[in-house]
Structures are given as C-alpha cells and as structure tokens.
Amino acid sequence: MNAIVVYYSNKGSNEYLAKKIAYNLACDIEKIKRLVSVTCCGSTYDKKDEKFGHGLVFKEVKRMLNGKCILCQAFPVGLVLPDDQKE
C-alpha cells in the first residue's frame, strides 16, 4: 500500500496524531506549508456564499489555515459526473 499522511497543525495536536498514524502505517508524513484547495461544487457562482456554497467553504479553509492557503478554486460538478448522471 502506498500512503502518505498529510496534516496541518497550528498548536501541535494534529501533528501528534499524524505522527502516530504515519508510524502505524509505516508511511511518509508531510506537514502542509501552503495549500491549494479545490472542490467540485454543485452550487453556482451567484450562490457561492449561501449555506452550501463553495465560497463559505473556502472562507473557512482560509480562516483555519491562517493565510497558508494560496488558492481556492471551485469547478462545476459537470466536469466529473459521468454523462448518464448529468442533467
């Protein structure tokens, strides 16, 4: 099995857990220094800041990572759905 544990830790608790997981999986571990967040979203751009919109998700990602997220991008769900599932 190829595996890697990727984590972000501001105060050390996630780092502690990530190290334990990597040790148990006998795999590499990498701390996130900068992040590009990409999501496939069913919401439209004009609804991005509504309850389930990608804009709110990206705001929370940026808040949690305290400026380490360098890019957030949403792609329409139609790019990944099989043709028989597209409306």
N, C-alpha and C. Protein backbone atom coordinates (compact mmCIF):
# COMPACT_ATOMS: atom_id res chain seq x y z
N MET A 1 0.84 -1.18 0.00
CA MET A 1 0.00 0.00 0.00
C MET A 1 0.88 1.24 0.00
N ASN A 2 0.62 2.16 -0.92
CA ASN A 2 1.29 3.46 -0.91
C ASN A 2 0.42 4.42 -0.12
N ALA A 3 1.02 5.07 0.86
CA ALA A 3 0.26 6.01 1.68
C ALA A 3 1.18 7.14 2.10
N ILE A 4 0.56 8.27 2.39
CA ILE A 4 1.25 9.40 2.98
C ILE A 4 0.25 10.09 3.90
N VAL A 5 0.71 10.51 5.03
CA VAL A 5 -0.13 11.29 5.94
C VAL A 5 0.23 12.76 5.72
N VAL A 6 -0.78 13.56 5.40
CA VAL A 6 -0.59 14.98 5.19
C VAL A 6 -1.43 15.69 6.24
N TYR A 7 -0.82 16.65 6.93
CA TYR A 7 -1.54 17.28 8.03
C TYR A 7 -1.19 18.76 8.14
N TYR A 8 -2.04 19.45 8.84
CA TYR A 8 -1.77 20.83 9.24
C TYR A 8 -1.99 20.90 10.74
N SER A 9 -1.10 21.54 11.45
CA SER A 9 -1.23 21.66 12.89
C SER A 9 -0.78 23.05 13.32
N ASN A 10 -1.66 23.74 13.97
CA ASN A 10 -1.33 25.07 14.47
C ASN A 10 -0.74 25.01 15.89
N LYS A 11 -1.26 24.10 16.70
CA LYS A 11 -0.83 24.02 18.10
C LYS A 11 -0.17 22.70 18.46
N GLY A 12 -0.12 21.76 17.52
CA GLY A 12 0.61 20.53 17.78
C GLY A 12 -0.22 19.27 17.96
N SER A 13 -1.51 19.39 18.24
CA SER A 13 -2.30 18.18 18.48
C SER A 13 -2.48 17.36 17.21
N ASN A 14 -2.72 18.01 16.06
CA ASN A 14 -2.85 17.27 14.80
C ASN A 14 -1.52 16.65 14.39
N GLU A 15 -0.43 17.35 14.68
CA GLU A 15 0.89 16.80 14.38
C GLU A 15 1.13 15.52 15.17
N TYR A 16 0.77 15.53 16.44
CA TYR A 16 0.91 14.36 17.29
C TYR A 16 0.14 13.16 16.71
N LEU A 17 -1.13 13.40 16.34
CA LEU A 17 -1.95 12.33 15.77
C LEU A 17 -1.40 11.87 14.42
N ALA A 18 -0.98 12.81 13.60
CA ALA A 18 -0.45 12.46 12.28
C ALA A 18 0.79 11.58 12.40
N LYS A 19 1.65 11.89 13.35
CA LYS A 19 2.86 11.09 13.55
C LYS A 19 2.52 9.68 14.00
N LYS A 20 1.53 9.55 14.87
CA LYS A 20 1.10 8.22 15.32
C LYS A 20 0.53 7.41 14.15
N ILE A 21 -0.29 8.07 13.33
CA ILE A 21 -0.89 7.39 12.18
C ILE A 21 0.19 6.97 11.20
N ALA A 22 1.11 7.87 10.88
CA ALA A 22 2.19 7.55 9.93
C ALA A 22 3.05 6.41 10.46
N TYR A 23 3.31 6.41 11.74
CA TYR A 23 4.11 5.34 12.34
C TYR A 23 3.38 4.00 12.19
N ASN A 24 2.09 3.98 12.48
CA ASN A 24 1.31 2.74 12.39
C ASN A 24 1.13 2.26 10.96
N LEU A 25 1.12 3.19 10.02
CA LEU A 25 1.01 2.81 8.61
C LEU A 25 2.37 2.58 7.97
N ALA A 26 3.42 2.91 8.70
CA ALA A 26 4.80 2.82 8.17
C ALA A 26 4.90 3.59 6.85
N CYS A 27 4.45 4.84 6.88
CA CYS A 27 4.45 5.64 5.66
C CYS A 27 5.06 7.01 5.93
N ASP A 28 5.25 7.75 4.86
CA ASP A 28 5.78 9.10 4.94
C ASP A 28 4.76 10.04 5.57
N ILE A 29 5.26 11.16 6.06
CA ILE A 29 4.42 12.18 6.66
C ILE A 29 4.90 13.54 6.14
N GLU A 30 3.96 14.43 5.89
CA GLU A 30 4.29 15.75 5.36
C GLU A 30 3.38 16.79 5.99
N LYS A 31 3.97 17.84 6.53
CA LYS A 31 3.19 18.95 7.08
C LYS A 31 2.85 19.92 5.96
N ILE A 32 1.60 20.36 5.95
CA ILE A 32 1.16 21.33 4.96
C ILE A 32 1.79 22.68 5.29
N LYS A 33 2.47 23.24 4.31
CA LYS A 33 3.04 24.57 4.47
C LYS A 33 2.21 25.59 3.70
N ARG A 34 1.77 25.21 2.53
CA ARG A 34 0.88 26.02 1.70
C ARG A 34 -0.14 25.07 1.09
N LEU A 35 -1.33 25.55 0.86
CA LEU A 35 -2.39 24.69 0.38
C LEU A 35 -3.11 25.32 -0.79
N VAL A 36 -3.40 24.52 -1.78
CA VAL A 36 -4.32 24.90 -2.84
C VAL A 36 -5.54 24.02 -2.63
N SER A 37 -6.70 24.63 -2.40
CA SER A 37 -7.93 23.90 -2.13
C SER A 37 -8.80 23.92 -3.38
N VAL A 38 -9.19 22.74 -3.81
CA VAL A 38 -10.03 22.61 -4.99
C VAL A 38 -11.24 21.77 -4.60
N THR A 39 -12.40 22.18 -5.06
CA THR A 39 -13.59 21.41 -4.79
C THR A 39 -14.44 21.34 -6.05
N CYS A 40 -15.21 20.31 -6.13
CA CYS A 40 -16.19 20.18 -7.20
C CYS A 40 -17.52 20.53 -6.57
N CYS A 41 -18.17 21.50 -7.09
CA CYS A 41 -19.31 22.09 -6.39
C CYS A 41 -20.55 22.11 -7.26
N GLY A 42 -21.67 21.78 -6.65
CA GLY A 42 -22.94 21.84 -7.36
C GLY A 42 -23.56 23.22 -7.33
N SER A 43 -23.05 24.10 -6.47
CA SER A 43 -23.61 25.45 -6.40
C SER A 43 -23.09 26.31 -7.54
N THR A 44 -23.88 27.28 -7.91
CA THR A 44 -23.45 28.20 -8.96
C THR A 44 -22.67 29.34 -8.33
N TYR A 45 -21.96 30.10 -9.16
CA TYR A 45 -21.15 31.19 -8.65
C TYR A 45 -22.00 32.23 -7.92
N ASP A 46 -23.20 32.51 -8.43
CA ASP A 46 -24.05 33.51 -7.79
C ASP A 46 -24.60 33.03 -6.44
N LYS A 47 -24.51 31.73 -6.15
CA LYS A 47 -24.96 31.19 -4.86
C LYS A 47 -23.79 30.73 -4.00
N LYS A 48 -22.59 31.15 -4.33
CA LYS A 48 -21.39 30.65 -3.66
C LYS A 48 -21.34 30.98 -2.17
N ASP A 49 -22.02 32.04 -1.74
CA ASP A 49 -21.99 32.42 -0.33
C ASP A 49 -23.23 31.99 0.45
N GLU A 50 -24.07 31.16 -0.18
CA GLU A 50 -25.22 30.62 0.53
C GLU A 50 -24.79 29.43 1.38
N LYS A 51 -25.71 28.86 2.13
CA LYS A 51 -25.41 27.84 3.14
C LYS A 51 -24.49 26.72 2.64
N PHE A 52 -24.71 26.19 1.46
CA PHE A 52 -23.90 25.09 0.95
C PHE A 52 -22.98 25.51 -0.19
N GLY A 53 -22.73 26.78 -0.32
CA GLY A 53 -21.90 27.29 -1.41
C GLY A 53 -20.41 27.13 -1.15
N HIS A 54 -19.66 27.05 -2.22
CA HIS A 54 -18.21 26.86 -2.10
C HIS A 54 -17.51 28.07 -1.51
N GLY A 55 -18.08 29.25 -1.64
CA GLY A 55 -17.46 30.45 -1.07
C GLY A 55 -17.32 30.36 0.44
N LEU A 56 -18.35 29.85 1.11
CA LEU A 56 -18.28 29.70 2.56
C LEU A 56 -17.26 28.65 2.97
N VAL A 57 -17.18 27.58 2.20
CA VAL A 57 -16.19 26.54 2.49
C VAL A 57 -14.78 27.11 2.36
N PHE A 58 -14.53 27.85 1.29
CA PHE A 58 -13.20 28.41 1.08
C PHE A 58 -12.84 29.45 2.16
N LYS A 59 -13.82 30.24 2.59
CA LYS A 59 -13.56 31.20 3.68
C LYS A 59 -13.12 30.47 4.94
N GLU A 60 -13.78 29.35 5.24
CA GLU A 60 -13.43 28.58 6.44
C GLU A 60 -12.05 27.93 6.29
N VAL A 61 -11.75 27.41 5.11
CA VAL A 61 -10.42 26.82 4.86
C VAL A 61 -9.35 27.88 5.08
N LYS A 62 -9.54 29.05 4.52
CA LYS A 62 -8.56 30.13 4.67
C LYS A 62 -8.42 30.56 6.13
N ARG A 63 -9.55 30.63 6.85
CA ARG A 63 -9.51 31.01 8.26
C ARG A 63 -8.74 29.96 9.08
N MET A 64 -9.05 28.70 8.84
CA MET A 64 -8.41 27.63 9.61
C MET A 64 -6.91 27.56 9.34
N LEU A 65 -6.51 27.83 8.11
CA LEU A 65 -5.10 27.70 7.75
C LEU A 65 -4.33 29.00 7.93
N ASN A 66 -5.00 30.02 8.41
CA ASN A 66 -4.32 31.25 8.82
C ASN A 66 -3.38 31.80 7.75
N GLY A 67 -3.89 31.92 6.52
CA GLY A 67 -3.10 32.52 5.45
C GLY A 67 -2.21 31.56 4.68
N LYS A 68 -2.21 30.28 5.02
CA LYS A 68 -1.36 29.32 4.33
C LYS A 68 -2.01 28.77 3.05
N CYS A 69 -3.30 29.02 2.87
CA CYS A 69 -3.98 28.61 1.65
C CYS A 69 -3.73 29.66 0.59
N ILE A 70 -3.07 29.26 -0.49
CA ILE A 70 -2.69 30.24 -1.51
C ILE A 70 -3.71 30.34 -2.65
N LEU A 71 -4.59 29.35 -2.79
CA LEU A 71 -5.58 29.39 -3.86
C LEU A 71 -6.74 28.47 -3.52
N CYS A 72 -7.94 28.95 -3.74
CA CYS A 72 -9.14 28.12 -3.64
C CYS A 72 -9.87 28.23 -4.97
N GLN A 73 -10.28 27.10 -5.52
CA GLN A 73 -10.93 27.11 -6.83
C GLN A 73 -12.06 26.09 -6.84
N ALA A 74 -13.21 26.48 -7.33
CA ALA A 74 -14.34 25.57 -7.47
C ALA A 74 -14.54 25.24 -8.95
N PHE A 75 -14.82 24.00 -9.22
CA PHE A 75 -15.10 23.55 -10.57
C PHE A 75 -16.53 23.05 -10.63
N PRO A 76 -17.22 23.23 -11.74
CA PRO A 76 -18.60 22.74 -11.83
C PRO A 76 -18.65 21.22 -11.74
N VAL A 77 -19.66 20.73 -11.06
CA VAL A 77 -19.81 19.30 -10.85
C VAL A 77 -19.91 18.55 -12.19
N GLY A 78 -20.37 19.21 -13.24
CA GLY A 78 -20.49 18.59 -14.55
C GLY A 78 -19.17 18.11 -15.13
N LEU A 79 -18.06 18.63 -14.63
CA LEU A 79 -16.75 18.20 -15.13
C LEU A 79 -16.39 16.78 -14.69
N VAL A 80 -16.99 16.31 -13.61
CA VAL A 80 -16.60 15.00 -13.08
C VAL A 80 -17.71 13.97 -13.11
N LEU A 81 -18.93 14.40 -13.39
CA LEU A 81 -20.03 13.44 -13.45
C LEU A 81 -20.00 12.65 -14.77
N PRO A 82 -20.29 11.36 -14.70
CA PRO A 82 -20.44 10.60 -15.94
C PRO A 82 -21.61 11.17 -16.74
N ASP A 83 -21.56 11.00 -18.05
CA ASP A 83 -22.60 11.56 -18.92
C ASP A 83 -24.01 11.13 -18.53
N ASP A 84 -24.16 9.89 -18.07
CA ASP A 84 -25.50 9.40 -17.74
C ASP A 84 -26.06 10.00 -16.44
N GLN A 85 -25.23 10.72 -15.68
CA GLN A 85 -25.70 11.35 -14.44
C GLN A 85 -25.87 12.86 -14.58
N LYS A 86 -25.51 13.40 -15.73
CA LYS A 86 -25.66 14.84 -15.95
C LYS A 86 -27.13 15.15 -16.27
N GLU A 87 -27.59 16.29 -15.77
CA GLU A 87 -28.98 16.69 -16.05
C GLU A 87 -29.11 17.32 -17.40
